[in-house]
C-alpha atoms as a PDB file:
ATOM      1  CA  MET A   1      88.503  33.263  45.724  1.00  0.00           C
ATOM      2  CA  VAL A   2      90.685  35.220  42.707  1.00  0.00           C
ATOM      3  CA  LEU A   3      93.203  37.065  45.140  1.00  0.00           C
ATOM      4  CA  THR A   4      94.011  33.884  46.935  1.00  0.00           C
ATOM      5  CA  ARG A   5      95.065  32.217  43.396  1.00  0.00           C
ATOM      6  CA  SER A   6      97.138  35.296  42.222  1.00  0.00           C
ATOM      7  CA  VAL A   7      98.608  35.458  45.355  1.00  0.00           C
ATOM      8  CA  ARG A   8      99.529  31.532  45.139  1.00  0.00           C
ATOM      9  CA  ARG A   9     100.881  32.237  41.482  1.00  0.00           C
ATOM     10  CA  LEU A  10     102.947  35.004  42.584  1.00  0.00           C
ATOM     11  CA  GLY A  11     104.151  33.462  45.644  1.00  0.00           C
ATOM     12  CA  ARG A  12     106.474  31.024  43.358  1.00  0.00           C
ATOM     13  CA  THR A  13     108.653  34.106  42.113  1.00  0.00           C
ATOM     14  CA  ARG A  14     111.983  35.493  43.657  1.00  0.00           C
ATOM     15  CA  TRP A  15     110.535  39.048  43.831  1.00  0.00           C
ATOM     16  CA  PHE A  16     107.672  37.877  46.033  1.00  0.00           C
ATOM     17  CA  ALA A  17     109.704  35.979  48.348  1.00  0.00           C
ATOM     18  CA  ARG A  18     111.606  39.283  48.905  1.00  0.00           C
ATOM     19  CA  LEU A  19     108.526  41.114  49.646  1.00  0.00           C
ATOM     20  CA  GLY A  20     107.271  38.377  52.002  1.00  0.00           C
ATOM     21  CA  ARG A  21     110.527  38.770  53.842  1.00  0.00           C
ATOM     22  CA  THR A  22     110.684  42.703  53.826  1.00  0.00           C
ATOM     23  CA  ALA A  23     106.793  42.686  54.792  1.00  0.00           C
ATOM     24  CA  ALA A  24     107.020  39.719  57.723  1.00  0.00           C
ATOM     25  CA  GLY A  25     107.365  42.129  60.700  1.00  0.00           C
ATOM     26  CA  LEU A  26     104.559  44.591  59.657  1.00  0.00           C
ATOM     27  CA  ASP A  27     101.986  41.258  58.877  1.00  0.00           C
ATOM     28  CA  ARG A  28     103.022  39.740  62.512  1.00  0.00           C
ATOM     29  CA  ARG A  29     102.033  42.996  64.113  1.00  0.00           C
ATOM     30  CA  LEU A  30      98.841  43.510  61.881  1.00  0.00           C
ATOM     31  CA  GLN A  31      97.775  39.734  62.331  1.00  0.00           C
ATOM     32  CA  LYS A  32      98.165  40.065  66.617  1.00  0.00           C
ATOM     33  CA  ALA A  33      96.328  43.455  66.090  1.00  0.00           C
ATOM     34  CA  THR A  34      93.228  41.996  64.319  1.00  0.00           C
ATOM     35  CA  ARG A  35      93.229  38.838  65.920  1.00  0.00           C
ATOM     36  CA  GLY A  36      94.066  37.231  62.878  1.00  0.00           C
ATOM     37  CA  ARG A  37      91.303  38.745  60.272  1.00  0.00           C
ATOM     38  CA  TRP A  38      93.713  40.701  58.661  1.00  0.00           C
ATOM     39  CA  SER A  39      97.137  40.580  56.694  1.00  0.00           C
ATOM     40  CA  VAL A  40      99.651  42.975  54.717  1.00  0.00           C
ATOM     41  CA  LEU A  41      97.536  41.401  51.340  1.00  0.00           C
ATOM     42  CA  GLY A  42      94.569  42.441  53.060  1.00  0.00           C
ATOM     43  CA  ARG A  43      91.759  40.096  54.230  1.00  0.00           C
ATOM     44  CA  VAL A  44      93.040  36.938  55.331  1.00  0.00           C
ATOM     45  CA  THR A  45      92.489  34.181  52.570  1.00  0.00           C
ATOM     46  CA  LEU A  46      95.405  31.465  53.295  1.00  0.00           C
ATOM     47  CA  PRO A  47      95.383  29.517  56.525  1.00  0.00           C
ATOM     48  CA  GLN A  48      98.122  31.405  58.926  1.00  0.00           C
ATOM     49  CA  LEU A  49      98.602  31.259  62.511  1.00  0.00           C
ATOM     50  CA  VAL A  50     100.967  32.644  64.686  1.00  0.00           C
ATOM     51  CA  LEU A  51     103.807  30.355  66.202  1.00  0.00           C
ATOM     52  CA  THR A  52     105.228  31.757  69.462  1.00  0.00           C
ATOM     53  CA  THR A  53     108.577  29.868  70.633  1.00  0.00           C
ATOM     54  CA  THR A  54     111.228  30.825  72.869  1.00  0.00           C
ATOM     55  CA  GLY A  55     114.556  31.738  71.454  1.00  0.00           C
ATOM     56  CA  ARG A  56     116.941  29.384  71.736  1.00  0.00           C
ATOM     57  CA  THR A  57     119.601  32.046  72.850  1.00  0.00           C
ATOM     58  CA  SER A  58     117.830  35.085  74.186  1.00  0.00           C
ATOM     59  CA  GLY A  59     115.225  32.936  76.103  1.00  0.00           C
ATOM     60  CA  GLN A  60     112.371  35.601  74.691  1.00  0.00           C
ATOM     61  CA  PRO A  61     109.282  34.767  73.214  1.00  0.00           C
ATOM     62  CA  ARG A  62     109.444  35.298  69.142  1.00  0.00           C
ATOM     63  CA  GLU A  63     106.578  35.167  66.877  1.00  0.00           C
ATOM     64  CA  ALA A  64     106.169  33.987  63.452  1.00  0.00           C
ATOM     65  CA  VAL A  65     103.361  33.989  61.229  1.00  0.00           C
ATOM     66  CA  LEU A  66     103.353  31.134  59.078  1.00  0.00           C
ATOM     67  CA  LEU A  67     100.956  29.280  56.756  1.00  0.00           C
ATOM     68  CA  TYR A  68      99.692  25.810  57.414  1.00  0.00           C
ATOM     69  CA  ALA A  69      97.711  22.585  56.992  1.00  0.00           C
ATOM     70  CA  VAL A  70      95.560  20.848  59.155  1.00  0.00           C
ATOM     71  CA  ASP A  71      96.423  17.325  59.970  1.00  0.00           C
ATOM     72  CA  ALA A  72      93.987  15.537  62.950  1.00  0.00           C
ATOM     73  CA  ASP A  73      93.678  17.725  65.596  1.00  0.00           C
ATOM     74  CA  GLY A  74      97.152  19.489  65.234  1.00  0.00           C
ATOM     75  CA  TRP A  75      98.997  21.976  62.465  1.00  0.00           C
ATOM     76  CA  VAL A  76     101.511  21.438  60.125  1.00  0.00           C
ATOM     77  CA  VAL A  77     104.166  24.284  59.156  1.00  0.00           C
ATOM     78  CA  ILE A  78     107.404  23.989  56.992  1.00  0.00           C
ATOM     79  CA  GLY A  79     110.412  25.921  57.274  1.00  0.00           C
ATOM     80  CA  SER A  80     110.814  27.355  53.963  1.00  0.00           C
ATOM     81  CA  ASN A  81     112.485  30.843  55.071  1.00  0.00           C
ATOM     82  CA  TRP A  82     111.018  32.219  51.478  1.00  0.00           C
ATOM     83  CA  GLY A  83     113.307  29.912  49.680  1.00  0.00           C
ATOM     84  CA  GLN A  84     116.775  31.240  51.752  1.00  0.00           C
ATOM     85  CA  GLY A  85     119.825  29.195  52.293  1.00  0.00           C
ATOM     86  CA  HIS A  86     119.343  28.809  55.662  1.00  0.00           C
ATOM     87  CA  HIS A  87     116.223  27.414  58.202  1.00  0.00           C
ATOM     88  CA  PRO A  88     114.585  29.909  59.856  1.00  0.00           C
ATOM     89  CA  ALA A  89     114.953  31.152  63.160  1.00  0.00           C
ATOM     90  CA  TRP A  90     111.944  29.511  64.471  1.00  0.00           C
ATOM     91  CA  SER A  91     112.626  25.962  63.645  1.00  0.00           C
ATOM     92  CA  GLY A  92     115.770  26.129  65.524  1.00  0.00           C
ATOM     93  CA  ASN A  93     114.125  27.308  68.651  1.00  0.00           C
ATOM     94  CA  LEU A  94     111.402  24.566  68.192  1.00  0.00           C
ATOM     95  CA  LEU A  95     114.565  22.153  67.662  1.00  0.00           C
ATOM     96  CA  ALA A  96     115.976  23.440  70.969  1.00  0.00           C
ATOM     97  CA  ASP A  97     112.669  23.754  72.853  1.00  0.00           C
ATOM     98  CA  PRO A  98     109.501  22.237  71.171  1.00  0.00           C
ATOM     99  CA  ARG A  99     107.018  23.924  73.092  1.00  0.00           C
ATOM    100  CA  ALA A 100     105.260  26.827  71.619  1.00  0.00           C
ATOM    101  CA  ALA A 101     101.989  28.632  71.019  1.00  0.00           C
ATOM    102  CA  VAL A 102     100.044  28.691  68.262  1.00  0.00           C
ATOM    103  CA  ALA A 103      97.284  31.674  67.891  1.00  0.00           C
ATOM    104  CA  VAL A 104      94.655  30.899  64.895  1.00  0.00           C
ATOM    105  CA  ALA A 105      91.823  33.582  64.431  1.00  0.00           C
ATOM    106  CA  GLY A 106      92.839  35.151  67.876  1.00  0.00           C
ATOM    107  CA  VAL A 107      92.511  31.892  69.836  1.00  0.00           C
ATOM    108  CA  THR A 108      95.960  30.435  71.457  1.00  0.00           C
ATOM    109  CA  THR A 109      96.435  27.172  71.908  1.00  0.00           C
ATOM    110  CA  PRO A 110      99.818  25.459  73.792  1.00  0.00           C
ATOM    111  CA  VAL A 111     101.734  22.947  71.604  1.00  0.00           C
ATOM    112  CA  VAL A 112     104.663  20.698  71.254  1.00  0.00           C
ATOM    113  CA  ALA A 113     106.335  20.514  68.184  1.00  0.00           C
ATOM    114  CA  THR A 114     107.729  17.449  66.424  1.00  0.00           C
ATOM    115  CA  LEU A 115     110.199  17.198  63.271  1.00  0.00           C
ATOM    116  CA  VAL A 116     108.212  14.558  61.094  1.00  0.00           C
ATOM    117  CA  ASP A 117     110.553  11.835  59.232  1.00  0.00           C
ATOM    118  CA  ASP A 118     110.780  11.103  56.051  1.00  0.00           C
ATOM    119  CA  ASP A 119     107.460   8.922  55.879  1.00  0.00           C
ATOM    120  CA  GLU A 120     105.402  11.438  57.915  1.00  0.00           C
ATOM    121  CA  ARG A 121     107.032  14.355  55.516  1.00  0.00           C
ATOM    122  CA  ALA A 122     105.972  12.411  52.533  1.00  0.00           C
ATOM    123  CA  ARG A 123     102.247  11.918  53.767  1.00  0.00           C
ATOM    124  CA  LEU A 124     101.964  15.793  55.157  1.00  0.00           C
ATOM    125  CA  LEU A 125     103.702  17.771  52.021  1.00  0.00           C
ATOM    126  CA  PRO A 126     100.835  17.299  49.613  1.00  0.00           C
ATOM    127  CA  ALA A 127      98.693  19.295  52.122  1.00  0.00           C
ATOM    128  CA  LEU A 128     101.349  21.699  52.421  1.00  0.00           C
ATOM    129  CA  LEU A 129     101.725  22.313  48.702  1.00  0.00           C
ATOM    130  CA  ALA A 130      98.004  22.615  48.479  1.00  0.00           C
ATOM    131  CA  VAL A 131      98.015  25.381  50.940  1.00  0.00           C
ATOM    132  CA  TRP A 132     101.183  26.983  48.787  1.00  0.00           C
ATOM    133  CA  PRO A 133     102.638  25.585  45.764  1.00  0.00           C
ATOM    134  CA  GLY A 134     105.702  28.004  46.189  1.00  0.00           C
ATOM    135  CA  TYR A 135     106.993  25.312  48.776  1.00  0.00           C
ATOM    136  CA  GLU A 136     108.547  23.185  45.969  1.00  0.00           C
ATOM    137  CA  ASP A 137     110.004  26.496  44.303  1.00  0.00           C
ATOM    138  CA  TYR A 138     111.813  27.759  47.512  1.00  0.00           C
ATOM    139  CA  ALA A 139     113.331  24.204  48.481  1.00  0.00           C
ATOM    140  CA  ALA A 140     114.954  24.071  44.754  1.00  0.00           C
ATOM    141  CA  ARG A 141     115.954  27.742  45.115  1.00  0.00           C
ATOM    142  CA  ALA A 142     117.160  27.108  49.215  1.00  0.00           C
ATOM    143  CA  GLY A 143     119.056  23.998  48.213  1.00  0.00           C
ATOM    144  CA  ARG A 144     118.382  22.410  51.427  1.00  0.00           C
ATOM    145  CA  HIS A 145     115.685  19.702  52.899  1.00  0.00           C
ATOM    146  CA  LEU A 146     113.053  22.209  54.318  1.00  0.00           C
ATOM    147  CA  ARG A 147     111.856  21.238  57.720  1.00  0.00           C
ATOM    148  CA  VAL A 148     108.336  20.062  58.568  1.00  0.00           C
ATOM    149  CA  PHE A 149     106.975  20.422  61.868  1.00  0.00           C
ATOM    150  CA  ARG A 150     103.724  18.908  63.364  1.00  0.00           C
ATOM    151  CA  LEU A 151     102.256  20.872  66.363  1.00  0.00           C
ATOM    152  CA  ALA A 152     100.097  18.878  68.380  1.00  0.00           C
ATOM    153  CA  PRO A 153      97.972  20.529  70.967  1.00  0.00           C
ATOM    154  CA  VAL A 154      98.734  19.948  74.844  1.00  0.00           C
END
């Protein structure tokens, strides 16, 4: 789809990353209200899920809309944080408590998250880059190792 190709190309830029960070809260609410059918960008054309973690400090549920790749019966996500120098809060939450929930197209599934090792990361990274090539640019800008998690249904 033309929109998807354009968004993937624009997604590599700094200004798009800033826009994405700004729109994240609105996108999360819109996705939840439409059971994953709509996004801030319009009809969802990229694989997106809503990840619900438990806040490591607050103990409260925390939601994040993330792009994902499929791996066997689970999902793979990357903590790019739009190329910022710090890890996203949801990744720290998963390290503290790997139990979470994934909602895809309105269907919620309990999962257990695993931070993948370097070998598994090398295997999974091409699938993530096929979904969002901008992850390479985000890693370069962030200057840190982007955490990759496998989310396995329980």
